[in-house]
Amino acid sequence: MTTDEIYGLLGTSFLLAAGQALFKKSALGVKKSATMPLDMPALLLMPSFWLALLLYCTATLLWIYLLQTVPLSRAYPFAALGFVIVPCLAVILFGEKLNAHYLIGTLFVITGVAITSKA
């Protein structure tokens, strides 16, 4: 894999992770009621929801572009980086807590991605 391809795969992972954080922000901004578990009209008026969709769309187009040259078996491990990036964003943006088990698992994911990118 070239450096540009690796940067593209990392960019895809970061775009998807940012989209997840924006989906969480949107979810927190939508009120639930006993009769309607999700207020769709309110959700559709939220800029964070539309930005999340835009990021997902951009990430998907970038992914398809990268798959023209990168074998899927080499590209797909980078998708696992979402398991690292999203919880880190959750800590920073939403004050969520991570435990030692998560940190150990994160090291395994990062190690696995590093190994497969060199294969």
PDB file of N, CA and C in Angstrom:
ATOM      1  N   MET A   1       0.846  -1.191   0.000  1.00  0.00           N
ATOM      2  CA  MET A   1       0.000   0.000   0.000  1.00  0.00           C
ATOM      3  C   MET A   1       0.883   1.243   0.000  1.00  0.00           C
ATOM      4  N   THR A   2       0.429   2.233  -0.724  1.00  0.00           N
ATOM      5  CA  THR A   2       1.172   3.494  -0.752  1.00  0.00           C
ATOM      6  C   THR A   2       0.804   4.342   0.464  1.00  0.00           C
ATOM      7  N   THR A   3       1.612   5.343   0.703  1.00  0.00           N
ATOM      8  CA  THR A   3       1.333   6.273   1.800  1.00  0.00           C
ATOM      9  C   THR A   3      -0.009   6.968   1.580  1.00  0.00           C
ATOM     10  N   ASP A   4      -0.296   7.352   0.349  1.00  0.00           N
ATOM     11  CA  ASP A   4      -1.572   8.011   0.046  1.00  0.00           C
ATOM     12  C   ASP A   4      -2.750   7.092   0.343  1.00  0.00           C
ATOM     13  N   GLU A   5      -2.607   5.818   0.030  1.00  0.00           N
ATOM     14  CA  GLU A   5      -3.687   4.868   0.310  1.00  0.00           C
ATOM     15  C   GLU A   5      -3.887   4.704   1.813  1.00  0.00           C
ATOM     16  N   ILE A   6      -2.802   4.647   2.555  1.00  0.00           N
ATOM     17  CA  ILE A   6      -2.918   4.534   4.014  1.00  0.00           C
ATOM     18  C   ILE A   6      -3.590   5.777   4.586  1.00  0.00           C
ATOM     19  N   TYR A   7      -3.184   6.959   4.113  1.00  0.00           N
ATOM     20  CA  TYR A   7      -3.824   8.199   4.573  1.00  0.00           C
ATOM     21  C   TYR A   7      -5.308   8.215   4.212  1.00  0.00           C
ATOM     22  N   GLY A   8      -5.634   7.727   3.030  1.00  0.00           N
ATOM     23  CA  GLY A   8      -7.032   7.657   2.618  1.00  0.00           C
ATOM     24  C   GLY A   8      -7.834   6.729   3.515  1.00  0.00           C
ATOM     25  N   LEU A   9      -7.265   5.578   3.842  1.00  0.00           N
ATOM     26  CA  LEU A   9      -7.956   4.628   4.728  1.00  0.00           C
ATOM     27  C   LEU A   9      -8.112   5.201   6.131  1.00  0.00           C
ATOM     28  N   LEU A  10      -7.078   5.872   6.616  1.00  0.00           N
ATOM     29  CA  LEU A  10      -7.185   6.528   7.926  1.00  0.00           C
ATOM     30  C   LEU A  10      -8.238   7.637   7.886  1.00  0.00           C
ATOM     31  N   GLY A  11      -8.246   8.397   6.781  1.00  0.00           N
ATOM     32  CA  GLY A  11      -9.241   9.457   6.630  1.00  0.00           C
ATOM     33  C   GLY A  11     -10.653   8.912   6.641  1.00  0.00           C
ATOM     34  N   THR A  12     -10.851   7.787   5.969  1.00  0.00           N
ATOM     35  CA  THR A  12     -12.170   7.154   5.974  1.00  0.00           C
ATOM     36  C   THR A  12     -12.592   6.798   7.387  1.00  0.00           C
ATOM     37  N   SER A  13     -11.672   6.215   8.153  1.00  0.00           N
ATOM     38  CA  SER A  13     -11.985   5.841   9.536  1.00  0.00           C
ATOM     39  C   SER A  13     -12.334   7.062  10.384  1.00  0.00           C
ATOM     40  N   PHE A  14     -11.583   8.144  10.195  1.00  0.00           N
ATOM     41  CA  PHE A  14     -11.857   9.357  10.970  1.00  0.00           C
ATOM     42  C   PHE A  14     -13.174  10.019  10.554  1.00  0.00           C
ATOM     43  N   LEU A  15     -13.484  10.003   9.263  1.00  0.00           N
ATOM     44  CA  LEU A  15     -14.760  10.565   8.811  1.00  0.00           C
ATOM     45  C   LEU A  15     -15.940   9.791   9.415  1.00  0.00           C
ATOM     46  N   LEU A  16     -15.844   8.462   9.408  1.00  0.00           N
ATOM     47  CA  LEU A  16     -16.924   7.644   9.980  1.00  0.00           C
ATOM     48  C   LEU A  16     -17.043   7.871  11.489  1.00  0.00           C
ATOM     49  N   ALA A  17     -15.903   7.995  12.159  1.00  0.00           N
ATOM     50  CA  ALA A  17     -15.924   8.228  13.607  1.00  0.00           C
ATOM     51  C   ALA A  17     -16.542   9.592  13.930  1.00  0.00           C
ATOM     52  N   ALA A  18     -16.176  10.606  13.164  1.00  0.00           N
ATOM     53  CA  ALA A  18     -16.774  11.935  13.373  1.00  0.00           C
ATOM     54  C   ALA A  18     -18.273  11.880  13.124  1.00  0.00           C
ATOM     55  N   GLY A  19     -18.677  11.129  12.102  1.00  0.00           N
ATOM     56  CA  GLY A  19     -20.104  10.956  11.839  1.00  0.00           C
ATOM     57  C   GLY A  19     -20.815  10.309  13.015  1.00  0.00           C
ATOM     58  N   GLN A  20     -20.200   9.305  13.610  1.00  0.00           N
ATOM     59  CA  GLN A  20     -20.801   8.650  14.781  1.00  0.00           C
ATOM     60  C   GLN A  20     -20.975   9.640  15.935  1.00  0.00           C
ATOM     61  N   ALA A  21     -19.958  10.467  16.166  1.00  0.00           N
ATOM     62  CA  ALA A  21     -20.058  11.464  17.239  1.00  0.00           C
ATOM     63  C   ALA A  21     -21.195  12.440  16.959  1.00  0.00           C
ATOM     64  N   LEU A  22     -21.361  12.823  15.706  1.00  0.00           N
ATOM     65  CA  LEU A  22     -22.454  13.727  15.360  1.00  0.00           C
ATOM     66  C   LEU A  22     -23.816  13.046  15.460  1.00  0.00           C
ATOM     67  N   PHE A  23     -23.874  11.759  15.138  1.00  0.00           N
ATOM     68  CA  PHE A  23     -25.127  11.027  15.341  1.00  0.00           C
ATOM     69  C   PHE A  23     -25.481  10.983  16.828  1.00  0.00           C
ATOM     70  N   LYS A  24     -24.478  10.788  17.678  1.00  0.00           N
ATOM     71  CA  LYS A  24     -24.721  10.783  19.133  1.00  0.00           C
ATOM     72  C   LYS A  24     -25.220  12.160  19.581  1.00  0.00           C
ATOM     73  N   LYS A  25     -24.580  13.209  19.084  1.00  0.00           N
ATOM     74  CA  LYS A  25     -25.027  14.568  19.422  1.00  0.00           C
ATOM     75  C   LYS A  25     -26.479  14.767  18.994  1.00  0.00           C
ATOM     76  N   SER A  26     -26.811  14.281  17.809  1.00  0.00           N
ATOM     77  CA  SER A  26     -28.187  14.396  17.320  1.00  0.00           C
ATOM     78  C   SER A  26     -29.143  13.619  18.213  1.00  0.00           C
ATOM     79  N   ALA A  27     -28.744  12.418  18.593  1.00  0.00           N
ATOM     80  CA  ALA A  27     -29.596  11.579  19.441  1.00  0.00           C
ATOM     81  C   ALA A  27     -29.859  12.243  20.783  1.00  0.00           C
ATOM     82  N   LEU A  28     -28.849  12.905  21.329  1.00  0.00           N
ATOM     83  CA  LEU A  28     -29.025  13.582  22.614  1.00  0.00           C
ATOM     84  C   LEU A  28     -29.939  14.803  22.496  1.00  0.00           C
ATOM     85  N   GLY A  29     -30.037  15.366  21.296  1.00  0.00           N
ATOM     86  CA  GLY A  29     -30.860  16.549  21.097  1.00  0.00           C
ATOM     87  C   GLY A  29     -32.308  16.264  20.759  1.00  0.00           C
ATOM     88  N   VAL A  30     -32.635  14.999  20.531  1.00  0.00           N
ATOM     89  CA  VAL A  30     -34.002  14.629  20.177  1.00  0.00           C
ATOM     90  C   VAL A  30     -34.713  14.136  21.429  1.00  0.00           C
ATOM     91  N   LYS A  31     -35.851  14.697  21.691  1.00  0.00           N
ATOM     92  CA  LYS A  31     -36.635  14.307  22.864  1.00  0.00           C
ATOM     93  C   LYS A  31     -37.437  13.040  22.574  1.00  0.00           C
ATOM     94  N   LYS A  32     -37.487  12.155  23.551  1.00  0.00           N
ATOM     95  CA  LYS A  32     -38.306  10.956  23.432  1.00  0.00           C
ATOM     96  C   LYS A  32     -39.592  11.168  24.218  1.00  0.00           C
ATOM     97  N   SER A  33     -40.630  10.508  23.777  1.00  0.00           N
ATOM     98  CA  SER A  33     -41.881  10.538  24.523  1.00  0.00           C
ATOM     99  C   SER A  33     -42.436   9.124  24.566  1.00  0.00           C
ATOM    100  N   ALA A  34     -43.472   8.923  25.367  1.00  0.00           N
ATOM    101  CA  ALA A  34     -44.080   7.597  25.481  1.00  0.00           C
ATOM    102  C   ALA A  34     -44.724   7.168  24.171  1.00  0.00           C
ATOM    103  N   THR A  35     -45.197   8.134  23.404  1.00  0.00           N
ATOM    104  CA  THR A  35     -45.888   7.787  22.157  1.00  0.00           C
ATOM    105  C   THR A  35     -44.962   7.772  20.942  1.00  0.00           C
ATOM    106  N   MET A  36     -43.832   8.477  21.028  1.00  0.00           N
ATOM    107  CA  MET A  36     -42.930   8.538  19.887  1.00  0.00           C
ATOM    108  C   MET A  36     -41.491   8.389  20.379  1.00  0.00           C
ATOM    109  N   PRO A  37     -40.888   7.209  20.160  1.00  0.00           N
ATOM    110  CA  PRO A  37     -39.522   7.007  20.642  1.00  0.00           C
ATOM    111  C   PRO A  37     -38.487   7.865  19.926  1.00  0.00           C
ATOM    112  N   LEU A  38     -38.793   8.315  18.698  1.00  0.00           N
ATOM    113  CA  LEU A  38     -37.870   9.159  17.958  1.00  0.00           C
ATOM    114  C   LEU A  38     -38.660  10.230  17.221  1.00  0.00           C
ATOM    115  N   ASP A  39     -38.370  11.466  17.523  1.00  0.00           N
ATOM    116  CA  ASP A  39     -39.044  12.601  16.893  1.00  0.00           C
ATOM    117  C   ASP A  39     -38.346  12.903  15.564  1.00  0.00           C
ATOM    118  N   MET A  40     -38.808  12.232  14.497  1.00  0.00           N
ATOM    119  CA  MET A  40     -38.178  12.369  13.182  1.00  0.00           C
ATOM    120  C   MET A  40     -38.180  13.804  12.664  1.00  0.00           C
ATOM    121  N   PRO A  41     -39.275  14.550  12.778  1.00  0.00           N
ATOM    122  CA  PRO A  41     -39.234  15.933  12.283  1.00  0.00           C
ATOM    123  C   PRO A  41     -38.148  16.758  12.981  1.00  0.00           C
ATOM    124  N   ALA A  42     -38.012  16.594  14.290  1.00  0.00           N
ATOM    125  CA  ALA A  42     -36.968  17.336  15.013  1.00  0.00           C
ATOM    126  C   ALA A  42     -35.582  16.889  14.552  1.00  0.00           C
ATOM    127  N   LEU A  43     -35.404  15.585  14.359  1.00  0.00           N
ATOM    128  CA  LEU A  43     -34.112  15.060  13.905  1.00  0.00           C
ATOM    129  C   LEU A  43     -33.743  15.635  12.537  1.00  0.00           C
ATOM    130  N   LEU A  44     -34.716  15.704  11.647  1.00  0.00           N
ATOM    131  CA  LEU A  44     -34.451  16.196  10.300  1.00  0.00           C
ATOM    132  C   LEU A  44     -34.127  17.688  10.261  1.00  0.00           C
ATOM    133  N   LEU A  45     -34.409  18.392  11.332  1.00  0.00           N
ATOM    134  CA  LEU A  45     -34.087  19.819  11.408  1.00  0.00           C
ATOM    135  C   LEU A  45     -32.730  20.083  12.060  1.00  0.00           C
ATOM    136  N   MET A  46     -32.048  19.036  12.508  1.00  0.00           N
ATOM    137  CA  MET A  46     -30.780  19.208  13.225  1.00  0.00           C
ATOM    138  C   MET A  46     -29.604  19.245  12.256  1.00  0.00           C
ATOM    139  N   PRO A  47     -28.821  20.318  12.293  1.00  0.00           N
ATOM    140  CA  PRO A  47     -27.626  20.391  11.433  1.00  0.00           C
ATOM    141  C   PRO A  47     -26.628  19.255  11.712  1.00  0.00           C
ATOM    142  N   SER A  48     -26.515  18.839  12.974  1.00  0.00           N
ATOM    143  CA  SER A  48     -25.565  17.770  13.303  1.00  0.00           C
ATOM    144  C   SER A  48     -25.939  16.463  12.606  1.00  0.00           C
ATOM    145  N   PHE A  49     -27.216  16.203  12.456  1.00  0.00           N
ATOM    146  CA  PHE A  49     -27.668  14.996  11.763  1.00  0.00           C
ATOM    147  C   PHE A  49     -27.261  15.039  10.288  1.00  0.00           C
ATOM    148  N   TRP A  50     -27.496  16.178   9.642  1.00  0.00           N
ATOM    149  CA  TRP A  50     -27.174  16.310   8.221  1.00  0.00           C
ATOM    150  C   TRP A  50     -25.662  16.294   7.986  1.00  0.00           C
ATOM    151  N   LEU A  51     -24.910  16.884   8.911  1.00  0.00           N
ATOM    152  CA  LEU A  51     -23.456  16.849   8.788  1.00  0.00           C
ATOM    153  C   LEU A  51     -22.943  15.419   8.949  1.00  0.00           C
ATOM    154  N   ALA A  52     -23.539  14.663   9.869  1.00  0.00           N
ATOM    155  CA  ALA A  52     -23.158  13.261  10.040  1.00  0.00           C
ATOM    156  C   ALA A  52     -23.419  12.476   8.759  1.00  0.00           C
ATOM    157  N   LEU A  53     -24.569  12.685   8.154  1.00  0.00           N
ATOM    158  CA  LEU A  53     -24.871  12.007   6.891  1.00  0.00           C
ATOM    159  C   LEU A  53     -23.884  12.408   5.788  1.00  0.00           C
ATOM    160  N   LEU A  54     -23.522  13.687   5.740  1.00  0.00           N
ATOM    161  CA  LEU A  54     -22.559  14.156   4.748  1.00  0.00           C
ATOM    162  C   LEU A  54     -21.195  13.486   4.955  1.00  0.00           C
ATOM    163  N   LEU A  55     -20.776  13.380   6.205  1.00  0.00           N
ATOM    164  CA  LEU A  55     -19.496  12.721   6.495  1.00  0.00           C
ATOM    165  C   LEU A  55     -19.539  11.254   6.090  1.00  0.00           C
ATOM    166  N   TYR A  56     -20.651  10.585   6.380  1.00  0.00           N
ATOM    167  CA  TYR A  56     -20.798   9.175   5.989  1.00  0.00           C
ATOM    168  C   TYR A  56     -20.776   9.022   4.468  1.00  0.00           C
ATOM    169  N   CYS A  57     -21.440   9.917   3.774  1.00  0.00           N
ATOM    170  CA  CYS A  57     -21.456   9.874   2.313  1.00  0.00           C
ATOM    171  C   CYS A  57     -20.042  10.094   1.766  1.00  0.00           C
ATOM    172  N   THR A  58     -19.353  11.075   2.287  1.00  0.00           N
ATOM    173  CA  THR A  58     -17.982  11.355   1.860  1.00  0.00           C
ATOM    174  C   THR A  58     -17.075  10.166   2.133  1.00  0.00           C
ATOM    175  N   ALA A  59     -17.202   9.573   3.324  1.00  0.00           N
ATOM    176  CA  ALA A  59     -16.392   8.409   3.672  1.00  0.00           C
ATOM    177  C   ALA A  59     -16.674   7.235   2.742  1.00  0.00           C
ATOM    178  N   THR A  60     -17.930   7.058   2.387  1.00  0.00           N
ATOM    179  CA  THR A  60     -18.304   5.967   1.479  1.00  0.00           C
ATOM    180  C   THR A  60     -17.702   6.173   0.100  1.00  0.00           C
ATOM    181  N   LEU A  61     -17.763   7.384  -0.414  1.00  0.00           N
ATOM    182  CA  LEU A  61     -17.175   7.671  -1.719  1.00  0.00           C
ATOM    183  C   LEU A  61     -15.658   7.498  -1.698  1.00  0.00           C
ATOM    184  N   LEU A  62     -15.014   7.936  -0.620  1.00  0.00           N
ATOM    185  CA  LEU A  62     -13.571   7.754  -0.476  1.00  0.00           C
ATOM    186  C   LEU A  62     -13.225   6.268  -0.410  1.00  0.00           C
ATOM    187  N   TRP A  63     -14.026   5.502   0.328  1.00  0.00           N
ATOM    188  CA  TRP A  63     -13.824   4.059   0.465  1.00  0.00           C
ATOM    189  C   TRP A  63     -13.899   3.377  -0.913  1.00  0.00           C
ATOM    190  N   ILE A  64     -14.904   3.711  -1.679  1.00  0.00           N
ATOM    191  CA  ILE A  64     -15.062   3.120  -3.007  1.00  0.00           C
ATOM    192  C   ILE A  64     -13.874   3.486  -3.902  1.00  0.00           C
ATOM    193  N   TYR A  65     -13.450   4.728  -3.821  1.00  0.00           N
ATOM    194  CA  TYR A  65     -12.283   5.168  -4.589  1.00  0.00           C
ATOM    195  C   TYR A  65     -11.049   4.345  -4.195  1.00  0.00           C
ATOM    196  N   LEU A  66     -10.824   4.166  -2.908  1.00  0.00           N
ATOM    197  CA  LEU A  66      -9.655   3.424  -2.436  1.00  0.00           C
ATOM    198  C   LEU A  66      -9.707   1.957  -2.847  1.00  0.00           C
ATOM    199  N   LEU A  67     -10.911   1.391  -2.865  1.00  0.00           N
ATOM    200  CA  LEU A  67     -11.036  -0.018  -3.223  1.00  0.00           C
ATOM    201  C   LEU A  67     -10.729  -0.286  -4.693  1.00  0.00           C
ATOM    202  N   GLN A  68     -10.587   0.755  -5.487  1.00  0.00           N
ATOM    203  CA  GLN A  68     -10.166   0.565  -6.875  1.00  0.00           C
ATOM    204  C   GLN A  68      -8.727   0.057  -6.952  1.00  0.00           C
ATOM    205  N   THR A  69      -7.924   0.392  -5.944  1.00  0.00           N
ATOM    206  CA  THR A  69      -6.511  -0.002  -5.975  1.00  0.00           C
ATOM    207  C   THR A  69      -6.074  -0.843  -4.777  1.00  0.00           C
ATOM    208  N   VAL A  70      -6.766  -0.720  -3.672  1.00  0.00           N
ATOM    209  CA  VAL A  70      -6.371  -1.443  -2.460  1.00  0.00           C
ATOM    210  C   VAL A  70      -7.227  -2.701  -2.340  1.00  0.00           C
ATOM    211  N   PRO A  71      -6.601  -3.859  -2.153  1.00  0.00           N
ATOM    212  CA  PRO A  71      -7.390  -5.077  -1.947  1.00  0.00           C
ATOM    213  C   PRO A  71      -8.268  -4.944  -0.699  1.00  0.00           C
ATOM    214  N   LEU A  72      -9.482  -5.429  -0.779  1.00  0.00           N
ATOM    215  CA  LEU A  72     -10.409  -5.344   0.347  1.00  0.00           C
ATOM    216  C   LEU A  72      -9.826  -5.982   1.600  1.00  0.00           C
ATOM    217  N   SER A  73      -9.120  -7.090   1.428  1.00  0.00           N
ATOM    218  CA  SER A  73      -8.533  -7.776   2.574  1.00  0.00           C
ATOM    219  C   SER A  73      -7.476  -6.930   3.275  1.00  0.00           C
ATOM    220  N   ARG A  74      -6.875  -5.990   2.562  1.00  0.00           N
ATOM    221  CA  ARG A  74      -5.872  -5.095   3.158  1.00  0.00           C
ATOM    222  C   ARG A  74      -6.523  -3.820   3.691  1.00  0.00           C
ATOM    223  N   ALA A  75      -7.613  -3.394   3.055  1.00  0.00           N
ATOM    224  CA  ALA A  75      -8.268  -2.149   3.451  1.00  0.00           C
ATOM    225  C   ALA A  75      -9.159  -2.328   4.670  1.00  0.00           C
ATOM    226  N   TYR A  76      -9.845  -3.461   4.746  1.00  0.00           N
ATOM    227  CA  TYR A  76     -10.886  -3.614   5.759  1.00  0.00           C
ATOM    228  C   TYR A  76     -10.382  -3.527   7.201  1.00  0.00           C
ATOM    229  N   PRO A  77      -9.183  -4.001   7.517  1.00  0.00           N
ATOM    230  CA  PRO A  77      -8.734  -3.836   8.908  1.00  0.00           C
ATOM    231  C   PRO A  77      -8.738  -2.383   9.393  1.00  0.00           C
ATOM    232  N   PHE A  78      -8.612  -1.442   8.480  1.00  0.00           N
ATOM    233  CA  PHE A  78      -8.644  -0.037   8.887  1.00  0.00           C
ATOM    234  C   PHE A  78     -10.020   0.363   9.423  1.00  0.00           C
ATOM    235  N   ALA A  79     -11.051  -0.357   9.021  1.00  0.00           N
ATOM    236  CA  ALA A  79     -12.393  -0.085   9.549  1.00  0.00           C
ATOM    237  C   ALA A  79     -12.432  -0.326  11.054  1.00  0.00           C
ATOM    238  N   ALA A  80     -11.571  -1.218  11.538  1.00  0.00           N
ATOM    239  CA  ALA A  80     -11.530  -1.507  12.979  1.00  0.00           C
ATOM    240  C   ALA A  80     -11.054  -0.317  13.798  1.00  0.00           C
ATOM    241  N   LEU A  81     -10.406   0.624  13.149  1.00  0.00           N
ATOM    242  CA  LEU A  81      -9.959   1.809  13.886  1.00  0.00           C
ATOM    243  C   LEU A  81     -11.128   2.597  14.467  1.00  0.00           C
ATOM    244  N   GLY A  82     -12.302   2.402  13.902  1.00  0.00           N
ATOM    245  CA  GLY A  82     -13.488   3.037  14.486  1.00  0.00           C
ATOM    246  C   GLY A  82     -13.711   2.606  15.924  1.00  0.00           C
ATOM    247  N   PHE A  83     -13.312   1.360  16.249  1.00  0.00           N
ATOM    248  CA  PHE A  83     -13.446   0.870  17.617  1.00  0.00           C
ATOM    249  C   PHE A  83     -12.490   1.581  18.568  1.00  0.00           C
ATOM    250  N   VAL A  84     -11.517   2.265  18.022  1.00  0.00           N
ATOM    251  CA  VAL A  84     -10.575   3.051  18.818  1.00  0.00           C
ATOM    252  C   VAL A  84     -10.987   4.515  18.841  1.00  0.00           C
ATOM    253  N   ILE A  85     -11.272   5.057  17.663  1.00  0.00           N
ATOM    254  CA  ILE A  85     -11.518   6.494  17.533  1.00  0.00           C
ATOM    255  C   ILE A  85     -12.840   6.917  18.157  1.00  0.00           C
ATOM    256  N   VAL A  86     -13.910   6.167  17.902  1.00  0.00           N
ATOM    257  CA  VAL A  86     -15.237   6.573  18.398  1.00  0.00           C
ATOM    258  C   VAL A  86     -15.269   6.662  19.921  1.00  0.00           C
ATOM    259  N   PRO A  87     -14.797   5.656  20.660  1.00  0.00           N
ATOM    260  CA  PRO A  87     -14.806   5.800  22.119  1.00  0.00           C
ATOM    261  C   PRO A  87     -13.922   6.949  22.618  1.00  0.00           C
ATOM    262  N   CYS A  88     -12.820   7.215  21.944  1.00  0.00           N
ATOM    263  CA  CYS A  88     -11.988   8.359  22.336  1.00  0.00           C
ATOM    264  C   CYS A  88     -12.759   9.666  22.160  1.00  0.00           C
ATOM    265  N   LEU A  89     -13.484   9.780  21.056  1.00  0.00           N
ATOM    266  CA  LEU A  89     -14.330  10.962  20.858  1.00  0.00           C
ATOM    267  C   LEU A  89     -15.431  11.034  21.908  1.00  0.00           C
ATOM    268  N   ALA A  90     -15.964   9.874  22.302  1.00  0.00           N
ATOM    269  CA  ALA A  90     -17.018   9.849  23.321  1.00  0.00           C
ATOM    270  C   ALA A  90     -16.496  10.388  24.650  1.00  0.00           C
ATOM    271  N   VAL A  91     -15.251  10.082  24.969  1.00  0.00           N
ATOM    272  CA  VAL A  91     -14.645  10.601  26.200  1.00  0.00           C
ATOM    273  C   VAL A  91     -14.490  12.109  26.107  1.00  0.00           C
ATOM    274  N   ILE A  92     -13.945  12.575  24.987  1.00  0.00           N
ATOM    275  CA  ILE A  92     -13.655  13.998  24.816  1.00  0.00           C
ATOM    276  C   ILE A  92     -14.931  14.833  24.716  1.00  0.00           C
ATOM    277  N   LEU A  93     -15.883  14.366  23.913  1.00  0.00           N
ATOM    278  CA  LEU A  93     -17.066  15.183  23.626  1.00  0.00           C
ATOM    279  C   LEU A  93     -18.224  14.982  24.590  1.00  0.00           C
ATOM    280  N   PHE A  94     -18.357  13.784  25.143  1.00  0.00           N
ATOM    281  CA  PHE A  94     -19.536  13.473  25.948  1.00  0.00           C
ATOM    282  C   PHE A  94     -19.209  13.079  27.381  1.00  0.00           C
ATOM    283  N   GLY A  95     -17.929  13.074  27.734  1.00  0.00           N
ATOM    284  CA  GLY A  95     -17.533  12.764  29.102  1.00  0.00           C
ATOM    285  C   GLY A  95     -17.723  11.308  29.490  1.00  0.00           C
ATOM    286  N   GLU A  96     -17.789  10.430  28.485  1.00  0.00           N
ATOM    287  CA  GLU A  96     -17.940   9.006  28.797  1.00  0.00           C
ATOM    288  C   GLU A  96     -16.633   8.475  29.388  1.00  0.00           C
ATOM    289  N   LYS A  97     -16.713   7.376  30.111  1.00  0.00           N
ATOM    290  CA  LYS A  97     -15.547   6.794  30.781  1.00  0.00           C
ATOM    291  C   LYS A  97     -15.108   5.522  30.064  1.00  0.00           C
ATOM    292  N   LEU A  98     -13.801   5.302  30.033  1.00  0.00           N
ATOM    293  CA  LEU A  98     -13.235   4.064  29.490  1.00  0.00           C
ATOM    294  C   LEU A  98     -12.489   3.351  30.612  1.00  0.00           C
ATOM    295  N   ASN A  99     -12.462   2.017  30.532  1.00  0.00           N
ATOM    296  CA  ASN A  99     -11.748   1.269  31.569  1.00  0.00           C
ATOM    297  C   ASN A  99     -10.489   0.629  30.996  1.00  0.00           C
ATOM    298  N   ALA A 100      -9.740  -0.046  31.852  1.00  0.00           N
ATOM    299  CA  ALA A 100      -8.469  -0.655  31.453  1.00  0.00           C
ATOM    300  C   ALA A 100      -8.680  -1.729  30.385  1.00  0.00           C
ATOM    301  N   HIS A 101      -9.773  -2.475  30.477  1.00  0.00           N
ATOM    302  CA  HIS A 101     -10.045  -3.498  29.462  1.00  0.00           C
ATOM    303  C   HIS A 101     -10.172  -2.878  28.079  1.00  0.00           C
ATOM    304  N   TYR A 102     -10.814  -1.738  28.014  1.00  0.00           N
ATOM    305  CA  TYR A 102     -10.948  -1.052  26.730  1.00  0.00           C
ATOM    306  C   TYR A 102      -9.565  -0.660  26.204  1.00  0.00           C
ATOM    307  N   LEU A 103      -8.734  -0.118  27.069  1.00  0.00           N
ATOM    308  CA  LEU A 103      -7.412   0.331  26.637  1.00  0.00           C
ATOM    309  C   LEU A 103      -6.559  -0.836  26.145  1.00  0.00           C
ATOM    310  N   ILE A 104      -6.654  -1.971  26.798  1.00  0.00           N
ATOM    311  CA  ILE A 104      -5.917  -3.158  26.361  1.00  0.00           C
ATOM    312  C   ILE A 104      -6.434  -3.606  24.994  1.00  0.00           C
ATOM    313  N   GLY A 105      -7.742  -3.653  24.831  1.00  0.00           N
ATOM    314  CA  GLY A 105      -8.327  -4.022  23.545  1.00  0.00           C
ATOM    315  C   GLY A 105      -7.923  -3.063  22.447  1.00  0.00           C
ATOM    316  N   THR A 106      -7.843  -1.792  22.770  1.00  0.00           N
ATOM    317  CA  THR A 106      -7.429  -0.776  21.812  1.00  0.00           C
ATOM    318  C   THR A 106      -6.007  -1.045  21.311  1.00  0.00           C
ATOM    319  N   LEU A 107      -5.139  -1.419  22.218  1.00  0.00           N
ATOM    320  CA  LEU A 107      -3.762  -1.745  21.813  1.00  0.00           C
ATOM    321  C   LEU A 107      -3.741  -2.921  20.837  1.00  0.00           C
ATOM    322  N   PHE A 108      -4.599  -3.914  21.084  1.00  0.00           N
ATOM    323  CA  PHE A 108      -4.673  -5.052  20.165  1.00  0.00           C
ATOM    324  C   PHE A 108      -5.164  -4.624  18.781  1.00  0.00           C
ATOM    325  N   VAL A 109      -6.173  -3.766  18.753  1.00  0.00           N
ATOM    326  CA  VAL A 109      -6.714  -3.302  17.469  1.00  0.00           C
ATOM    327  C   VAL A 109      -5.646  -2.532  16.703  1.00  0.00           C
ATOM    328  N   ILE A 110      -4.983  -1.594  17.372  1.00  0.00           N
ATOM    329  CA  ILE A 110      -3.955  -0.798  16.710  1.00  0.00           C
ATOM    330  C   ILE A 110      -2.817  -1.686  16.222  1.00  0.00           C
ATOM    331  N   THR A 111      -2.415  -2.639  17.047  1.00  0.00           N
ATOM    332  CA  THR A 111      -1.362  -3.575  16.635  1.00  0.00           C
ATOM    333  C   THR A 111      -1.790  -4.378  15.414  1.00  0.00           C
ATOM    334  N   GLY A 112      -3.009  -4.861  15.415  1.00  0.00           N
ATOM    335  CA  GLY A 112      -3.513  -5.639  14.284  1.00  0.00           C
ATOM    336  C   GLY A 112      -3.548  -4.822  13.006  1.00  0.00           C
ATOM    337  N   VAL A 113      -3.995  -3.583  13.085  1.00  0.00           N
ATOM    338  CA  VAL A 113      -4.039  -2.727  11.898  1.00  0.00           C
ATOM    339  C   VAL A 113      -2.616  -2.459  11.401  1.00  0.00           C
ATOM    340  N   ALA A 114      -1.696  -2.198  12.320  1.00  0.00           N
ATOM    341  CA  ALA A 114      -0.309  -1.933  11.927  1.00  0.00           C
ATOM    342  C   ALA A 114       0.295  -3.161  11.231  1.00  0.00           C
ATOM    343  N   ILE A 115       0.041  -4.340  11.777  1.00  0.00           N
ATOM    344  CA  ILE A 115       0.585  -5.566  11.183  1.00  0.00           C
ATOM    345  C   ILE A 115       0.001  -5.815   9.807  1.00  0.00           C
ATOM    346  N   THR A 116      -1.312  -5.676   9.673  1.00  0.00           N
ATOM    347  CA  THR A 116      -1.932  -5.963   8.375  1.00  0.00           C
ATOM    348  C   THR A 116      -1.567  -4.909   7.320  1.00  0.00           C
ATOM    349  N   SER A 117      -1.308  -3.687   7.735  1.00  0.00           N
ATOM    350  CA  SER A 117      -0.939  -2.669   6.748  1.00  0.00           C
ATOM    351  C   SER A 117       0.475  -2.896   6.212  1.00  0.00           C
ATOM    352  N   LYS A 118       1.290  -3.602   6.959  1.00  0.00           N
ATOM    353  CA  LYS A 118       2.660  -3.901   6.517  1.00  0.00           C
ATOM    354  C   LYS A 118       2.727  -5.208   5.729  1.00  0.00           C
ATOM    355  N   ALA A 119       1.675  -6.010   5.784  1.00  0.00           N
ATOM    356  CA  ALA A 119       1.710  -7.342   5.158  1.00  0.00           C
ATOM    357  C   ALA A 119       1.873  -7.268   3.653  1.00  0.00           C
TER     358      ALA A 119
END
